[in-house]
Amino acid sequence: MTAVSISQLIEQANHASSMHAQAMRERSVRPPRWKLIYHLMAKPLMIFWDSYVRHRACRDGLAGLVMSLLTSWSHWLTWAKYWELDC
């Protein structure tokens, strides 16, 4: 299914992040604290930078900004849910 609106993109990201977080929990042991901090703080910023600047989403205007933010937020959401499941 292809998302056509921001609300659909958010719903898809929410569903996918839940599935990924559950799969991560089932296949691994509890990660060290630094890894959680890295994936909750540094990695989303790196993903945004990579998408918006390196891959030139900035050329797409507001749509590029929204997609870059959503991409980095999806990564953060997956790890936040994983952390929530692991606590």
Protein backbone atom coordinates (compact mmCIF):
# COMPACT_ATOMS: atom_id res chain seq x y z
CA MET A 1 0.00 0.00 0.00
CA THR A 2 1.30 3.40 -0.92
CA ALA A 3 0.71 6.25 1.49
CA VAL A 4 -0.71 9.41 -0.02
CA SER A 5 -1.05 11.69 3.00
CA ILE A 6 1.06 12.59 6.01
CA SER A 7 -1.42 10.90 8.36
CA GLN A 8 -1.09 7.68 6.35
CA LEU A 9 2.70 7.94 6.45
CA ILE A 10 2.56 8.36 10.22
CA GLU A 11 0.21 5.38 10.61
CA GLN A 12 2.52 3.23 8.49
CA ALA A 13 5.59 4.38 10.46
CA ASN A 14 3.82 3.64 13.73
CA HIS A 15 2.84 0.14 12.62
CA ALA A 16 6.24 -0.66 11.11
CA SER A 17 8.11 0.63 14.17
CA SER A 18 6.02 -1.60 16.44
CA MET A 19 6.80 -4.63 14.30
CA HIS A 20 10.53 -3.80 14.12
CA ALA A 21 10.79 -3.14 17.86
CA GLN A 22 9.12 -6.46 18.66
CA ALA A 23 11.39 -8.31 16.24
CA MET A 24 14.48 -6.63 17.73
CA ARG A 25 13.40 -7.64 21.22
CA GLU A 26 12.79 -11.26 20.21
CA ARG A 27 16.14 -11.75 18.49
CA SER A 28 18.59 -9.99 20.78
CA VAL A 29 19.71 -9.52 24.33
CA ARG A 30 19.35 -6.19 26.11
CA PRO A 31 21.64 -3.66 24.40
CA PRO A 32 24.13 -1.61 26.39
CA ARG A 33 22.96 1.82 27.54
CA TRP A 34 25.27 3.67 25.12
CA LYS A 35 23.65 1.89 22.16
CA LEU A 36 20.17 3.02 23.23
CA ILE A 37 21.38 6.59 23.70
CA TYR A 38 23.09 6.49 20.29
CA HIS A 39 19.97 5.24 18.51
CA LEU A 40 17.63 7.59 20.36
CA MET A 41 19.71 10.76 20.09
CA ALA A 42 22.57 10.70 17.59
CA LYS A 43 21.38 8.33 14.87
CA PRO A 44 18.11 10.19 14.08
CA LEU A 45 20.11 13.40 13.58
CA MET A 46 22.53 11.56 11.31
CA ILE A 47 19.65 10.05 9.32
CA PHE A 48 18.07 13.49 8.91
CA TRP A 49 21.38 15.02 7.78
CA ASP A 50 21.99 12.16 5.36
CA SER A 51 18.52 12.44 3.83
CA TYR A 52 18.08 16.20 3.79
CA VAL A 53 21.59 17.35 2.92
CA ARG A 54 23.58 14.48 1.42
CA HIS A 55 20.74 13.10 -0.69
CA ARG A 56 19.58 16.66 -1.42
CA ALA A 57 15.99 16.38 -0.20
CA CYS A 58 16.39 20.10 0.53
CA ARG A 59 15.88 20.65 -3.20
CA ASP A 60 12.33 19.32 -2.83
CA GLY A 61 11.33 22.14 -0.50
CA LEU A 62 8.83 21.46 2.25
CA ALA A 63 8.11 17.94 0.98
CA GLY A 64 11.81 17.05 1.28
CA LEU A 65 11.96 18.47 4.78
CA VAL A 66 8.87 16.54 5.89
CA MET A 67 10.12 13.26 4.40
CA SER A 68 13.56 13.70 5.99
CA LEU A 69 12.00 14.44 9.37
CA LEU A 70 9.65 11.49 9.06
CA THR A 71 12.48 9.15 8.12
CA SER A 72 14.57 10.15 11.13
CA TRP A 73 11.50 10.11 13.41
CA SER A 74 10.68 6.56 12.28
CA HIS A 75 14.12 5.37 13.40
CA TRP A 76 13.72 7.15 16.73
CA LEU A 77 10.24 5.69 17.20
CA THR A 78 11.44 2.14 16.58
CA TRP A 79 14.16 2.44 19.20
CA ALA A 80 11.87 4.23 21.68
CA LYS A 81 9.40 1.35 21.39
CA TYR A 82 12.21 -1.18 21.74
CA TRP A 83 13.39 0.59 24.88
CA GLU A 84 9.82 0.60 26.20
CA LEU A 85 9.48 -3.14 25.61
CA ASP A 86 12.82 -3.86 27.23
CA CYS A 87 12.16 -1.96 30.47
